[in-house]
Amino acid sequence: MNRKEEANLAKSALALANSDHMTIYNAYMGWKNSQTEGQRTEMSYCRKHFLNRTALITIEDVKHELMKMMEQAGFWSSRSSHSKPQVASLTKPDISLERSSDRGAL
């Protein structure tokens, strides 16, 4: 088996639901889990699955940046008692496209 076939086989082992996004997520989570066992295990995981560690670090950096932006926008708070981001609820006045001066004109 050549390297390309090995890489395709490794990718298919990580594949979920015919979704590239879910496959990337699965690879990322496997990488995160491998990090808990040390750098040697992390590097072994990357080699075994033909993953680029630098790309995974970039994904993690983007994730943190997006989480920071979501917090700044008020969608969730890292200081809350919830470990997962909470979706902000919108009320009709929050999403209304009417200007307040237009309401009285009807």
N, C-alpha and C. Protein backbone atom coordinates (compact mmCIF):
# COMPACT_ATOMS: atom_id res chain seq x y z
N MET A 1 0.85 -1.18 0.00
CA MET A 1 0.00 0.00 0.00
C MET A 1 0.90 1.24 0.00
N ASN A 2 0.62 2.18 -0.92
CA ASN A 2 1.43 3.40 -0.96
C ASN A 2 0.95 4.42 0.07
N ARG A 3 1.70 5.49 0.24
CA ARG A 3 1.40 6.50 1.27
C ARG A 3 0.05 7.17 1.05
N LYS A 4 -0.30 7.43 -0.20
CA LYS A 4 -1.58 8.08 -0.48
C LYS A 4 -2.74 7.17 -0.06
N GLU A 5 -2.62 5.90 -0.34
CA GLU A 5 -3.66 4.96 0.07
C GLU A 5 -3.73 4.85 1.60
N GLU A 6 -2.57 4.88 2.24
CA GLU A 6 -2.55 4.86 3.71
C GLU A 6 -3.23 6.10 4.28
N ALA A 7 -2.94 7.26 3.68
CA ALA A 7 -3.55 8.51 4.14
C ALA A 7 -5.06 8.49 3.95
N ASN A 8 -5.51 7.99 2.81
CA ASN A 8 -6.96 7.90 2.57
C ASN A 8 -7.63 6.95 3.55
N LEU A 9 -6.97 5.87 3.87
CA LEU A 9 -7.51 4.92 4.84
C LEU A 9 -7.58 5.55 6.23
N ALA A 10 -6.53 6.29 6.60
CA ALA A 10 -6.52 6.98 7.90
C ALA A 10 -7.62 8.03 7.96
N LYS A 11 -7.83 8.76 6.88
CA LYS A 11 -8.88 9.77 6.83
C LYS A 11 -10.25 9.11 6.96
N SER A 12 -10.44 8.01 6.27
CA SER A 12 -11.75 7.34 6.34
C SER A 12 -12.03 6.81 7.74
N ALA A 13 -10.98 6.49 8.49
CA ALA A 13 -11.17 6.02 9.87
C ALA A 13 -11.70 7.14 10.77
N LEU A 14 -11.41 8.39 10.41
CA LEU A 14 -11.89 9.54 11.19
C LEU A 14 -13.21 10.09 10.68
N ALA A 15 -13.63 9.67 9.50
CA ALA A 15 -14.81 10.23 8.85
C ALA A 15 -16.08 9.97 9.65
N LEU A 16 -16.93 10.99 9.67
CA LEU A 16 -18.22 10.90 10.35
C LEU A 16 -19.31 11.43 9.44
N ALA A 17 -20.33 10.65 9.23
CA ALA A 17 -21.57 11.07 8.57
C ALA A 17 -21.36 11.78 7.23
N ASN A 18 -20.41 11.34 6.45
CA ASN A 18 -20.16 11.97 5.15
C ASN A 18 -20.04 13.48 5.24
N SER A 19 -19.44 13.96 6.30
CA SER A 19 -19.32 15.40 6.52
C SER A 19 -17.86 15.76 6.76
N ASP A 20 -17.33 16.62 5.92
CA ASP A 20 -15.96 17.08 6.12
C ASP A 20 -15.81 17.81 7.45
N HIS A 21 -16.83 18.59 7.80
CA HIS A 21 -16.76 19.35 9.06
C HIS A 21 -16.70 18.41 10.26
N MET A 22 -17.52 17.38 10.24
CA MET A 22 -17.52 16.43 11.35
C MET A 22 -16.23 15.60 11.37
N THR A 23 -15.69 15.32 10.21
CA THR A 23 -14.42 14.59 10.13
C THR A 23 -13.29 15.44 10.72
N ILE A 24 -13.28 16.72 10.38
CA ILE A 24 -12.27 17.63 10.94
C ILE A 24 -12.44 17.73 12.45
N TYR A 25 -13.69 17.84 12.89
CA TYR A 25 -13.96 17.91 14.32
C TYR A 25 -13.48 16.64 15.03
N ASN A 26 -13.75 15.50 14.44
CA ASN A 26 -13.33 14.22 15.02
C ASN A 26 -11.80 14.15 15.10
N ALA A 27 -11.13 14.58 14.05
CA ALA A 27 -9.66 14.58 14.05
C ALA A 27 -9.14 15.54 15.11
N TYR A 28 -9.75 16.71 15.21
CA TYR A 28 -9.33 17.71 16.20
C TYR A 28 -9.52 17.18 17.62
N MET A 29 -10.68 16.58 17.89
CA MET A 29 -10.94 16.07 19.24
C MET A 29 -10.00 14.91 19.58
N GLY A 30 -9.70 14.07 18.61
CA GLY A 30 -8.73 13.01 18.84
C GLY A 30 -7.36 13.57 19.17
N TRP A 31 -6.98 14.63 18.46
CA TRP A 31 -5.71 15.29 18.72
C TRP A 31 -5.69 15.90 20.12
N LYS A 32 -6.79 16.58 20.49
CA LYS A 32 -6.87 17.18 21.83
C LYS A 32 -6.74 16.09 22.90
N ASN A 33 -7.41 14.98 22.69
CA ASN A 33 -7.32 13.88 23.66
C ASN A 33 -5.91 13.31 23.72
N SER A 34 -5.25 13.23 22.58
CA SER A 34 -3.89 12.68 22.57
C SER A 34 -2.92 13.60 23.32
N GLN A 35 -3.21 14.88 23.34
CA GLN A 35 -2.33 15.83 24.04
C GLN A 35 -2.29 15.56 25.54
N THR A 36 -3.36 15.02 26.08
CA THR A 36 -3.40 14.77 27.53
C THR A 36 -2.43 13.68 27.94
N GLU A 37 -1.99 12.89 26.97
CA GLU A 37 -1.07 11.80 27.27
C GLU A 37 0.38 12.15 26.96
N GLY A 38 0.62 13.39 26.58
CA GLY A 38 1.99 13.82 26.34
C GLY A 38 2.30 14.06 24.88
N GLN A 39 3.42 14.73 24.66
CA GLN A 39 3.79 15.13 23.31
C GLN A 39 4.09 13.93 22.40
N ARG A 40 4.66 12.89 22.96
CA ARG A 40 4.97 11.71 22.15
C ARG A 40 3.68 11.09 21.59
N THR A 41 2.66 10.99 22.43
CA THR A 41 1.38 10.44 21.99
C THR A 41 0.72 11.36 20.98
N GLU A 42 0.83 12.66 21.22
CA GLU A 42 0.27 13.65 20.28
C GLU A 42 0.91 13.51 18.90
N MET A 43 2.22 13.43 18.87
CA MET A 43 2.93 13.32 17.59
C MET A 43 2.60 11.99 16.91
N SER A 44 2.48 10.94 17.70
CA SER A 44 2.13 9.63 17.16
C SER A 44 0.73 9.67 16.53
N TYR A 45 -0.20 10.34 17.21
CA TYR A 45 -1.56 10.47 16.69
C TYR A 45 -1.54 11.20 15.34
N CYS A 46 -0.79 12.28 15.27
CA CYS A 46 -0.70 13.04 14.02
C CYS A 46 -0.11 12.19 12.89
N ARG A 47 0.96 11.46 13.20
CA ARG A 47 1.57 10.60 12.17
C ARG A 47 0.62 9.49 11.73
N LYS A 48 -0.01 8.85 12.70
CA LYS A 48 -0.91 7.73 12.41
C LYS A 48 -2.07 8.16 11.50
N HIS A 49 -2.57 9.38 11.73
CA HIS A 49 -3.74 9.86 10.98
C HIS A 49 -3.38 10.85 9.88
N PHE A 50 -2.07 10.99 9.61
CA PHE A 50 -1.60 11.88 8.54
C PHE A 50 -2.12 13.31 8.74
N LEU A 51 -2.02 13.78 9.97
CA LEU A 51 -2.48 15.12 10.32
C LEU A 51 -1.30 16.06 10.50
N ASN A 52 -1.49 17.29 10.11
CA ASN A 52 -0.47 18.31 10.26
C ASN A 52 -0.70 19.02 11.60
N ARG A 53 0.24 18.88 12.51
CA ARG A 53 0.10 19.46 13.85
C ARG A 53 -0.06 20.98 13.78
N THR A 54 0.67 21.63 12.89
CA THR A 54 0.57 23.08 12.74
C THR A 54 -0.85 23.48 12.32
N ALA A 55 -1.45 22.71 11.44
CA ALA A 55 -2.83 23.00 11.02
C ALA A 55 -3.79 22.83 12.19
N LEU A 56 -3.57 21.82 13.02
CA LEU A 56 -4.43 21.61 14.18
C LEU A 56 -4.28 22.75 15.19
N ILE A 57 -3.07 23.23 15.36
CA ILE A 57 -2.84 24.37 16.25
C ILE A 57 -3.54 25.61 15.70
N THR A 58 -3.51 25.78 14.38
CA THR A 58 -4.21 26.90 13.75
C THR A 58 -5.72 26.79 13.98
N ILE A 59 -6.26 25.59 13.85
CA ILE A 59 -7.69 25.38 14.12
C ILE A 59 -8.01 25.78 15.55
N GLU A 60 -7.14 25.39 16.47
CA GLU A 60 -7.37 25.74 17.87
C GLU A 60 -7.31 27.25 18.09
N ASP A 61 -6.37 27.91 17.44
CA ASP A 61 -6.26 29.36 17.55
C ASP A 61 -7.52 30.05 17.02
N VAL A 62 -8.01 29.58 15.89
CA VAL A 62 -9.23 30.14 15.30
C VAL A 62 -10.42 29.90 16.24
N LYS A 63 -10.48 28.71 16.81
CA LYS A 63 -11.56 28.39 17.76
C LYS A 63 -11.55 29.38 18.93
N HIS A 64 -10.38 29.62 19.50
CA HIS A 64 -10.28 30.55 20.63
C HIS A 64 -10.66 31.97 20.22
N GLU A 65 -10.25 32.37 19.03
CA GLU A 65 -10.59 33.70 18.54
C GLU A 65 -12.11 33.84 18.34
N LEU A 66 -12.73 32.82 17.78
CA LEU A 66 -14.18 32.85 17.58
C LEU A 66 -14.92 32.87 18.92
N MET A 67 -14.42 32.11 19.88
CA MET A 67 -15.05 32.11 21.21
C MET A 67 -14.94 33.49 21.86
N LYS A 68 -13.79 34.12 21.69
CA LYS A 68 -13.58 35.46 22.23
C LYS A 68 -14.55 36.45 21.58
N MET A 69 -14.71 36.34 20.27
CA MET A 69 -15.62 37.24 19.56
C MET A 69 -17.07 37.00 19.99
N MET A 70 -17.44 35.74 20.20
CA MET A 70 -18.80 35.43 20.65
C MET A 70 -19.05 36.01 22.04
N GLU A 71 -18.05 35.94 22.88
CA GLU A 71 -18.20 36.50 24.22
C GLU A 71 -18.32 38.02 24.15
N GLN A 72 -17.51 38.65 23.34
CA GLN A 72 -17.57 40.10 23.19
C GLN A 72 -18.91 40.55 22.62
N ALA A 73 -19.51 39.72 21.78
CA ALA A 73 -20.81 40.04 21.18
C ALA A 73 -21.96 39.73 22.14
N GLY A 74 -21.66 39.10 23.27
CA GLY A 74 -22.69 38.83 24.26
C GLY A 74 -23.41 37.51 24.10
N PHE A 75 -22.90 36.63 23.26
CA PHE A 75 -23.56 35.34 23.08
C PHE A 75 -23.31 34.39 24.24
N TRP A 76 -22.20 34.57 24.95
CA TRP A 76 -21.91 33.72 26.10
C TRP A 76 -20.83 34.37 26.94
N SER A 77 -20.65 33.86 28.13
CA SER A 77 -19.64 34.39 29.02
C SER A 77 -18.77 33.26 29.55
N SER A 78 -17.48 33.42 29.44
CA SER A 78 -16.56 32.40 29.96
C SER A 78 -16.57 32.42 31.49
N ARG A 79 -17.09 33.47 32.07
CA ARG A 79 -17.14 33.58 33.53
C ARG A 79 -18.43 33.03 34.12
N SER A 80 -19.33 32.56 33.26
CA SER A 80 -20.60 32.04 33.77
C SER A 80 -20.38 30.67 34.40
N SER A 81 -21.38 30.21 35.10
CA SER A 81 -21.28 28.90 35.75
C SER A 81 -21.46 27.76 34.76
N HIS A 82 -21.85 28.08 33.54
CA HIS A 82 -22.04 27.05 32.52
C HIS A 82 -20.73 26.79 31.80
N SER A 83 -20.43 25.55 31.56
CA SER A 83 -19.18 25.23 30.88
C SER A 83 -19.31 25.36 29.37
N LYS A 84 -20.52 25.34 28.85
CA LYS A 84 -20.74 25.45 27.42
C LYS A 84 -21.30 26.83 27.10
N PRO A 85 -21.00 27.34 25.90
CA PRO A 85 -21.56 28.64 25.51
C PRO A 85 -23.08 28.60 25.52
N GLN A 86 -23.67 29.66 26.01
CA GLN A 86 -25.12 29.78 26.03
C GLN A 86 -25.54 30.75 24.94
N VAL A 87 -26.55 30.39 24.20
CA VAL A 87 -27.05 31.25 23.13
C VAL A 87 -27.87 32.36 23.75
N ALA A 88 -27.59 33.57 23.35
CA ALA A 88 -28.36 34.71 23.85
C ALA A 88 -29.76 34.66 23.27
N SER A 89 -30.75 34.98 24.09
CA SER A 89 -32.11 35.00 23.58
C SER A 89 -32.42 36.39 23.04
N LEU A 90 -33.08 36.43 21.92
CA LEU A 90 -33.46 37.70 21.31
C LEU A 90 -34.95 37.90 21.49
N THR A 91 -35.32 39.12 21.80
CA THR A 91 -36.74 39.45 21.89
C THR A 91 -37.11 40.23 20.65
N LYS A 92 -38.40 40.37 20.41
CA LYS A 92 -38.84 41.09 19.22
C LYS A 92 -38.25 42.49 19.12
N PRO A 93 -38.19 43.27 20.20
CA PRO A 93 -37.57 44.59 20.06
C PRO A 93 -36.09 44.51 19.64
N ASP A 94 -35.41 43.45 20.02
CA ASP A 94 -34.00 43.30 19.64
C ASP A 94 -33.84 43.09 18.15
N ILE A 95 -34.81 42.44 17.53
CA ILE A 95 -34.66 42.10 16.12
C ILE A 95 -35.59 42.90 15.21
N SER A 96 -36.31 43.82 15.77
CA SER A 96 -37.24 44.62 14.97
C SER A 96 -36.48 45.49 13.98
N LEU A 97 -36.99 45.57 12.78
CA LEU A 97 -36.39 46.41 11.76
C LEU A 97 -37.05 47.78 11.69
N GLU A 98 -38.12 47.97 12.44
CA GLU A 98 -38.82 49.25 12.44
C GLU A 98 -38.02 50.28 13.22
N ARG A 99 -38.09 51.50 12.77
CA ARG A 99 -37.54 52.60 13.57
C ARG A 99 -38.63 53.03 14.53
N SER A 100 -38.27 53.50 15.68
CA SER A 100 -39.26 53.89 16.68
C SER A 100 -40.17 54.99 16.15
N SER A 101 -39.68 55.87 15.29
CA SER A 101 -40.51 56.95 14.74
C SER A 101 -41.55 56.41 13.77
N ASP A 102 -41.31 55.23 13.17
CA ASP A 102 -42.25 54.64 12.23
C ASP A 102 -43.44 54.00 12.94
N ARG A 103 -43.29 53.62 14.18
CA ARG A 103 -44.35 52.91 14.89
C ARG A 103 -45.60 53.77 15.07
N GLY A 104 -45.43 55.03 15.34
CA GLY A 104 -46.57 55.90 15.56
C GLY A 104 -47.26 56.32 14.28
N ALA A 105 -46.62 56.14 13.16
CA ALA A 105 -47.17 56.60 11.88
C ALA A 105 -48.29 55.71 11.38
N LEU A 106 -48.40 54.50 11.88
CA LEU A 106 -49.43 53.59 11.39
C LEU A 106 -50.68 53.88 12.07
